Amino acid sequence: MEDYGRFLALLVSALHVGFVAVILSLVWVFHYREGLSWDGGAGEFNWHPVLIITGFVFIQGIGASGSRGWRGATG
């Protein structure tokens, strides 16, 4: 059970790092890349890095961590 506390600490720290990565990508897009748009202009491609970091890095990381934690807690 002591490993569960260590797992939770690592999970919370990973969540913080992922959240900061999403925030920093939004800051980068708005400050250096002229923001986000949905009108077919140059800003439309700026959704790409934001969604890549949010979806592939942050959300899939949460899913992988959750499946590992669940498996470790049950068996």
PDB file of N, CA and C in Angstrom:
ATOM      1  N   MET A   1       0.817  -1.201   0.000  1.00  0.00           N
ATOM      2  CA  MET A   1       0.000   0.000   0.000  1.00  0.00           C
ATOM      3  C   MET A   1       0.857   1.260   0.000  1.00  0.00           C
ATOM      4  N   GLU A   2       2.113   1.156   0.449  1.00  0.00           N
ATOM      5  CA  GLU A   2       2.978   2.334   0.447  1.00  0.00           C
ATOM      6  C   GLU A   2       3.328   2.758  -0.976  1.00  0.00           C
ATOM      7  N   ASP A   3       3.295   1.815  -1.904  1.00  0.00           N
ATOM      8  CA  ASP A   3       3.542   2.168  -3.300  1.00  0.00           C
ATOM      9  C   ASP A   3       2.391   2.973  -3.889  1.00  0.00           C
ATOM     10  N   TYR A   4       1.191   2.809  -3.338  1.00  0.00           N
ATOM     11  CA  TYR A   4       0.033   3.557  -3.830  1.00  0.00           C
ATOM     12  C   TYR A   4       0.196   5.050  -3.568  1.00  0.00           C
ATOM     13  N   GLY A   5       0.710   5.417  -2.414  1.00  0.00           N
ATOM     14  CA  GLY A   5       0.959   6.828  -2.115  1.00  0.00           C
ATOM     15  C   GLY A   5       2.012   7.425  -3.030  1.00  0.00           C
ATOM     16  N   ARG A   6       3.034   6.643  -3.305  1.00  0.00           N
ATOM     17  CA  ARG A   6       4.085   7.102  -4.224  1.00  0.00           C
ATOM     18  C   ARG A   6       3.529   7.253  -5.635  1.00  0.00           C
ATOM     19  N   PHE A   7       2.667   6.309  -6.029  1.00  0.00           N
ATOM     20  CA  PHE A   7       2.024   6.400  -7.342  1.00  0.00           C
ATOM     21  C   PHE A   7       1.164   7.655  -7.444  1.00  0.00           C
ATOM     22  N   LEU A   8       0.389   7.944  -6.399  1.00  0.00           N
ATOM     23  CA  LEU A   8      -0.452   9.145  -6.422  1.00  0.00           C
ATOM     24  C   LEU A   8       0.377  10.416  -6.495  1.00  0.00           C
ATOM     25  N   ALA A   9       1.501  10.440  -5.782  1.00  0.00           N
ATOM     26  CA  ALA A   9       2.378  11.609  -5.845  1.00  0.00           C
ATOM     27  C   ALA A   9       2.929  11.803  -7.253  1.00  0.00           C
ATOM     28  N   LEU A  10       3.357  10.725  -7.888  1.00  0.00           N
ATOM     29  CA  LEU A  10       3.861  10.825  -9.259  1.00  0.00           C
ATOM     30  C   LEU A  10       2.760  11.200 -10.239  1.00  0.00           C
ATOM     31  N   LEU A  11       1.560  10.667 -10.025  1.00  0.00           N
ATOM     32  CA  LEU A  11       0.442  10.996 -10.904  1.00  0.00           C
ATOM     33  C   LEU A  11       0.079  12.472 -10.803  1.00  0.00           C
ATOM     34  N   VAL A  12       0.031  12.997  -9.602  1.00  0.00           N
ATOM     35  CA  VAL A  12      -0.301  14.414  -9.421  1.00  0.00           C
ATOM     36  C   VAL A  12       0.783  15.293 -10.017  1.00  0.00           C
ATOM     37  N   SER A  13       2.043  14.925  -9.844  1.00  0.00           N
ATOM     38  CA  SER A  13       3.112  15.736 -10.435  1.00  0.00           C
ATOM     39  C   SER A  13       3.076  15.659 -11.963  1.00  0.00           C
ATOM     40  N   ALA A  14       2.750  14.493 -12.520  1.00  0.00           N
ATOM     41  CA  ALA A  14       2.626  14.374 -13.974  1.00  0.00           C
ATOM     42  C   ALA A  14       1.454  15.193 -14.492  1.00  0.00           C
ATOM     43  N   LEU A  15       0.354  15.218 -13.751  1.00  0.00           N
ATOM     44  CA  LEU A  15      -0.790  16.043 -14.145  1.00  0.00           C
ATOM     45  C   LEU A  15      -0.423  17.523 -14.153  1.00  0.00           C
ATOM     46  N   HIS A  16       0.340  17.941 -13.163  1.00  0.00           N
ATOM     47  CA  HIS A  16       0.767  19.342 -13.129  1.00  0.00           C
ATOM     48  C   HIS A  16       1.660  19.676 -14.320  1.00  0.00           C
ATOM     49  N   VAL A  17       2.591  18.801 -14.637  1.00  0.00           N
ATOM     50  CA  VAL A  17       3.479  19.036 -15.775  1.00  0.00           C
ATOM     51  C   VAL A  17       2.671  19.083 -17.078  1.00  0.00           C
ATOM     52  N   GLY A  18       1.722  18.180 -17.245  1.00  0.00           N
ATOM     53  CA  GLY A  18       0.889  18.189 -18.443  1.00  0.00           C
ATOM     54  C   GLY A  18       0.036  19.434 -18.548  1.00  0.00           C
ATOM     55  N   PHE A  19      -0.532  19.850 -17.428  1.00  0.00           N
ATOM     56  CA  PHE A  19      -1.343  21.071 -17.424  1.00  0.00           C
ATOM     57  C   PHE A  19      -0.495  22.283 -17.774  1.00  0.00           C
ATOM     58  N   VAL A  20       0.712  22.354 -17.237  1.00  0.00           N
ATOM     59  CA  VAL A  20       1.616  23.465 -17.560  1.00  0.00           C
ATOM     60  C   VAL A  20       2.004  23.425 -19.042  1.00  0.00           C
ATOM     61  N   ALA A  21       2.199  22.232 -19.599  1.00  0.00           N
ATOM     62  CA  ALA A  21       2.536  22.122 -21.024  1.00  0.00           C
ATOM     63  C   ALA A  21       1.405  22.648 -21.905  1.00  0.00           C
ATOM     64  N   VAL A  22       0.164  22.343 -21.547  1.00  0.00           N
ATOM     65  CA  VAL A  22      -0.980  22.853 -22.312  1.00  0.00           C
ATOM     66  C   VAL A  22      -1.055  24.373 -22.202  1.00  0.00           C
ATOM     67  N   ILE A  23      -0.892  24.898 -21.009  1.00  0.00           N
ATOM     68  CA  ILE A  23      -0.930  26.353 -20.807  1.00  0.00           C
ATOM     69  C   ILE A  23       0.196  27.039 -21.572  1.00  0.00           C
ATOM     70  N   LEU A  24       1.401  26.477 -21.523  1.00  0.00           N
ATOM     71  CA  LEU A  24       2.524  27.085 -22.249  1.00  0.00           C
ATOM     72  C   LEU A  24       2.325  27.025 -23.761  1.00  0.00           C
ATOM     73  N   SER A  25       1.706  25.960 -24.272  1.00  0.00           N
ATOM     74  CA  SER A  25       1.437  25.917 -25.709  1.00  0.00           C
ATOM     75  C   SER A  25       0.424  26.982 -26.105  1.00  0.00           C
ATOM     76  N   LEU A  26      -0.576  27.207 -25.262  1.00  0.00           N
ATOM     77  CA  LEU A  26      -1.541  28.287 -25.540  1.00  0.00           C
ATOM     78  C   LEU A  26      -0.884  29.662 -25.469  1.00  0.00           C
ATOM     79  N   VAL A  27      -0.014  29.865 -24.509  1.00  0.00           N
ATOM     80  CA  VAL A  27       0.709  31.140 -24.415  1.00  0.00           C
ATOM     81  C   VAL A  27       1.564  31.337 -25.653  1.00  0.00           C
ATOM     82  N   TRP A  28       2.249  30.281 -26.099  1.00  0.00           N
ATOM     83  CA  TRP A  28       3.092  30.385 -27.279  1.00  0.00           C
ATOM     84  C   TRP A  28       2.260  30.723 -28.516  1.00  0.00           C
ATOM     85  N   VAL A  29       1.118  30.055 -28.676  1.00  0.00           N
ATOM     86  CA  VAL A  29       0.282  30.298 -29.852  1.00  0.00           C
ATOM     87  C   VAL A  29      -0.273  31.714 -29.834  1.00  0.00           C
ATOM     88  N   PHE A  30      -0.748  32.179 -28.705  1.00  0.00           N
ATOM     89  CA  PHE A  30      -1.338  33.514 -28.659  1.00  0.00           C
ATOM     90  C   PHE A  30      -0.300  34.623 -28.720  1.00  0.00           C
ATOM     91  N   HIS A  31       0.875  34.394 -28.148  1.00  0.00           N
ATOM     92  CA  HIS A  31       1.872  35.466 -28.095  1.00  0.00           C
ATOM     93  C   HIS A  31       2.742  35.531 -29.359  1.00  0.00           C
ATOM     94  N   TYR A  32       3.163  34.372 -29.855  1.00  0.00           N
ATOM     95  CA  TYR A  32       4.110  34.358 -30.963  1.00  0.00           C
ATOM     96  C   TYR A  32       3.496  33.990 -32.312  1.00  0.00           C
ATOM     97  N   ARG A  33       2.343  33.360 -32.329  1.00  0.00           N
ATOM     98  CA  ARG A  33       1.786  32.846 -33.580  1.00  0.00           C
ATOM     99  C   ARG A  33       0.468  33.498 -33.975  1.00  0.00           C
ATOM    100  N   GLU A  34       0.156  34.648 -33.471  1.00  0.00           N
ATOM    101  CA  GLU A  34      -1.040  35.430 -33.827  1.00  0.00           C
ATOM    102  C   GLU A  34      -2.357  34.760 -33.455  1.00  0.00           C
ATOM    103  N   GLY A  35      -2.366  33.884 -32.467  1.00  0.00           N
ATOM    104  CA  GLY A  35      -3.614  33.356 -31.929  1.00  0.00           C
ATOM    105  C   GLY A  35      -4.225  32.225 -32.724  1.00  0.00           C
ATOM    106  N   LEU A  36      -5.453  31.909 -32.360  1.00  0.00           N
ATOM    107  CA  LEU A  36      -6.206  30.835 -32.998  1.00  0.00           C
ATOM    108  C   LEU A  36      -7.324  31.423 -33.845  1.00  0.00           C
ATOM    109  N   SER A  37      -7.628  30.756 -34.946  1.00  0.00           N
ATOM    110  CA  SER A  37      -8.756  31.212 -35.762  1.00  0.00           C
ATOM    111  C   SER A  37      -9.424  30.003 -36.388  1.00  0.00           C
ATOM    112  N   TRP A  38     -10.618  30.211 -36.892  1.00  0.00           N
ATOM    113  CA  TRP A  38     -11.366  29.140 -37.534  1.00  0.00           C
ATOM    114  C   TRP A  38     -11.966  29.637 -38.847  1.00  0.00           C
ATOM    115  N   ASP A  39     -11.301  30.603 -39.471  1.00  0.00           N
ATOM    116  CA  ASP A  39     -11.834  31.212 -40.688  1.00  0.00           C
ATOM    117  C   ASP A  39     -11.028  30.868 -41.934  1.00  0.00           C
ATOM    118  N   GLY A  40     -10.125  29.919 -41.864  1.00  0.00           N
ATOM    119  CA  GLY A  40      -9.328  29.529 -43.015  1.00  0.00           C
ATOM    120  C   GLY A  40      -8.060  30.328 -43.163  1.00  0.00           C
ATOM    121  N   GLY A  41      -7.767  31.214 -42.222  1.00  0.00           N
ATOM    122  CA  GLY A  41      -6.563  32.022 -42.290  1.00  0.00           C
ATOM    123  C   GLY A  41      -5.349  31.280 -41.750  1.00  0.00           C
ATOM    124  N   ALA A  42      -4.278  32.030 -41.575  1.00  0.00           N
ATOM    125  CA  ALA A  42      -3.024  31.443 -41.106  1.00  0.00           C
ATOM    126  C   ALA A  42      -3.128  30.939 -39.676  1.00  0.00           C
ATOM    127  N   GLY A  43      -4.002  31.530 -38.882  1.00  0.00           N
ATOM    128  CA  GLY A  43      -4.147  31.112 -37.495  1.00  0.00           C
ATOM    129  C   GLY A  43      -4.871  29.791 -37.312  1.00  0.00           C
ATOM    130  N   GLU A  44      -5.454  29.271 -38.376  1.00  0.00           N
ATOM    131  CA  GLU A  44      -6.189  28.008 -38.243  1.00  0.00           C
ATOM    132  C   GLU A  44      -5.246  26.843 -37.972  1.00  0.00           C
ATOM    133  N   PHE A  45      -4.054  26.857 -38.548  1.00  0.00           N
ATOM    134  CA  PHE A  45      -3.099  25.780 -38.309  1.00  0.00           C
ATOM    135  C   PHE A  45      -2.571  25.815 -36.876  1.00  0.00           C
ATOM    136  N   ASN A  46      -2.705  26.931 -36.196  1.00  0.00           N
ATOM    137  CA  ASN A  46      -2.207  27.045 -34.826  1.00  0.00           C
ATOM    138  C   ASN A  46      -2.972  26.150 -33.859  1.00  0.00           C
ATOM    139  N   TRP A  47      -4.108  25.629 -34.276  1.00  0.00           N
ATOM    140  CA  TRP A  47      -4.816  24.646 -33.447  1.00  0.00           C
ATOM    141  C   TRP A  47      -4.012  23.357 -33.340  1.00  0.00           C
ATOM    142  N   HIS A  48      -3.210  23.060 -34.335  1.00  0.00           N
ATOM    143  CA  HIS A  48      -2.499  21.791 -34.402  1.00  0.00           C
ATOM    144  C   HIS A  48      -1.599  21.544 -33.190  1.00  0.00           C
ATOM    145  N   PRO A  49      -0.656  22.430 -32.856  1.00  0.00           N
ATOM    146  CA  PRO A  49       0.193  22.137 -31.696  1.00  0.00           C
ATOM    147  C   PRO A  49      -0.584  22.101 -30.385  1.00  0.00           C
ATOM    148  N   VAL A  50      -1.603  22.928 -30.259  1.00  0.00           N
ATOM    149  CA  VAL A  50      -2.392  22.936 -29.022  1.00  0.00           C
ATOM    150  C   VAL A  50      -3.128  21.610 -28.861  1.00  0.00           C
ATOM    151  N   LEU A  51      -3.748  21.129 -29.930  1.00  0.00           N
ATOM    152  CA  LEU A  51      -4.488  19.874 -29.840  1.00  0.00           C
ATOM    153  C   LEU A  51      -3.565  18.656 -29.732  1.00  0.00           C
ATOM    154  N   ILE A  52      -2.399  18.715 -30.342  1.00  0.00           N
ATOM    155  CA  ILE A  52      -1.431  17.622 -30.210  1.00  0.00           C
ATOM    156  C   ILE A  52      -0.989  17.487 -28.765  1.00  0.00           C
ATOM    157  N   ILE A  53      -0.620  18.593 -28.144  1.00  0.00           N
ATOM    158  CA  ILE A  53      -0.170  18.532 -26.747  1.00  0.00           C
ATOM    159  C   ILE A  53      -1.312  18.143 -25.833  1.00  0.00           C
ATOM    160  N   THR A  54      -2.490  18.700 -26.064  1.00  0.00           N
ATOM    161  CA  THR A  54      -3.625  18.384 -25.206  1.00  0.00           C
ATOM    162  C   THR A  54      -4.055  16.933 -25.359  1.00  0.00           C
ATOM    163  N   GLY A  55      -4.209  16.468 -26.576  1.00  0.00           N
ATOM    164  CA  GLY A  55      -4.735  15.129 -26.802  1.00  0.00           C
ATOM    165  C   GLY A  55      -3.718  14.026 -26.633  1.00  0.00           C
ATOM    166  N   PHE A  56      -2.661  14.090 -27.399  1.00  0.00           N
ATOM    167  CA  PHE A  56      -1.713  12.986 -27.408  1.00  0.00           C
ATOM    168  C   PHE A  56      -0.839  12.937 -26.171  1.00  0.00           C
ATOM    169  N   VAL A  57      -0.415  14.060 -25.687  1.00  0.00           N
ATOM    170  CA  VAL A  57       0.489  14.062 -24.543  1.00  0.00           C
ATOM    171  C   VAL A  57      -0.278  14.026 -23.233  1.00  0.00           C
ATOM    172  N   PHE A  58      -1.199  14.957 -23.042  1.00  0.00           N
ATOM    173  CA  PHE A  58      -1.849  15.115 -21.745  1.00  0.00           C
ATOM    174  C   PHE A  58      -2.931  14.057 -21.519  1.00  0.00           C
ATOM    175  N   ILE A  59      -3.888  13.938 -22.423  1.00  0.00           N
ATOM    176  CA  ILE A  59      -5.019  13.033 -22.197  1.00  0.00           C
ATOM    177  C   ILE A  59      -4.591  11.567 -22.309  1.00  0.00           C
ATOM    178  N   GLN A  60      -3.742  11.219 -23.274  1.00  0.00           N
ATOM    179  CA  GLN A  60      -3.281   9.843 -23.353  1.00  0.00           C
ATOM    180  C   GLN A  60      -2.365   9.487 -22.192  1.00  0.00           C
ATOM    181  N   GLY A  61      -1.634  10.459 -21.686  1.00  0.00           N
ATOM    182  CA  GLY A  61      -0.818  10.218 -20.498  1.00  0.00           C
ATOM    183  C   GLY A  61      -1.663   9.925 -19.281  1.00  0.00           C
ATOM    184  N   ILE A  62      -2.766  10.636 -19.137  1.00  0.00           N
ATOM    185  CA  ILE A  62      -3.688  10.374 -18.037  1.00  0.00           C
ATOM    186  C   ILE A  62      -4.290   8.974 -18.179  1.00  0.00           C
ATOM    187  N   GLY A  63      -4.678   8.601 -19.390  1.00  0.00           N
ATOM    188  CA  GLY A  63      -5.248   7.278 -19.609  1.00  0.00           C
ATOM    189  C   GLY A  63      -4.258   6.166 -19.326  1.00  0.00           C
ATOM    190  N   ALA A  64      -3.019   6.333 -19.747  1.00  0.00           N
ATOM    191  CA  ALA A  64      -2.011   5.310 -19.489  1.00  0.00           C
ATOM    192  C   ALA A  64      -1.704   5.209 -18.003  1.00  0.00           C
ATOM    193  N   SER A  65      -1.630   6.333 -17.329  1.00  0.00           N
ATOM    194  CA  SER A  65      -1.365   6.319 -15.889  1.00  0.00           C
ATOM    195  C   SER A  65      -2.524   5.692 -15.130  1.00  0.00           C
ATOM    196  N   GLY A  66      -3.726   6.006 -15.539  1.00  0.00           N
ATOM    197  CA  GLY A  66      -4.890   5.439 -14.879  1.00  0.00           C
ATOM    198  C   GLY A  66      -4.996   3.941 -15.055  1.00  0.00           C
ATOM    199  N   SER A  67      -4.682   3.449 -16.241  1.00  0.00           N
ATOM    200  CA  SER A  67      -4.760   2.008 -16.453  1.00  0.00           C
ATOM    201  C   SER A  67      -3.674   1.278 -15.671  1.00  0.00           C
ATOM    202  N   ARG A  68      -2.499   1.893 -15.564  1.00  0.00           N
ATOM    203  CA  ARG A  68      -1.421   1.299 -14.766  1.00  0.00           C
ATOM    204  C   ARG A  68      -1.783   1.282 -13.289  1.00  0.00           C
ATOM    205  N   GLY A  69      -2.344   2.359 -12.816  1.00  0.00           N
ATOM    206  CA  GLY A  69      -2.729   2.447 -11.401  1.00  0.00           C
ATOM    207  C   GLY A  69      -3.837   1.492 -11.059  1.00  0.00           C
ATOM    208  N   TRP A  70      -4.795   1.356 -11.946  1.00  0.00           N
ATOM    209  CA  TRP A  70      -5.924   0.454 -11.694  1.00  0.00           C
ATOM    210  C   TRP A  70      -5.437  -0.987 -11.671  1.00  0.00           C
ATOM    211  N   ARG A  71      -4.572  -1.351 -12.588  1.00  0.00           N
ATOM    212  CA  ARG A  71      -4.055  -2.715 -12.653  1.00  0.00           C
ATOM    213  C   ARG A  71      -3.226  -3.022 -11.405  1.00  0.00           C
ATOM    214  N   GLY A  72      -2.436  -2.059 -10.960  1.00  0.00           N
ATOM    215  CA  GLY A  72      -1.620  -2.275  -9.778  1.00  0.00           C
ATOM    216  C   GLY A  72      -2.438  -2.354  -8.508  1.00  0.00           C
ATOM    217  N   ALA A  73      -3.561  -1.662  -8.462  1.00  0.00           N
ATOM    218  CA  ALA A  73      -4.391  -1.652  -7.264  1.00  0.00           C
ATOM    219  C   ALA A  73      -5.209  -2.934  -7.128  1.00  0.00           C
ATOM    220  N   THR A  74      -5.506  -3.593  -8.263  1.00  0.00           N
ATOM    221  CA  THR A  74      -6.356  -4.771  -8.192  1.00  0.00           C
ATOM    222  C   THR A  74      -5.565  -6.068  -8.185  1.00  0.00           C
ATOM    223  N   GLY A  75      -4.341  -6.027  -8.591  1.00  0.00           N
ATOM    224  CA  GLY A  75      -3.647  -7.314  -8.652  1.00  0.00           C
ATOM    225  C   GLY A  75      -2.239  -7.165  -8.427  1.00  0.00           C
TER     226      GLY A  75
END
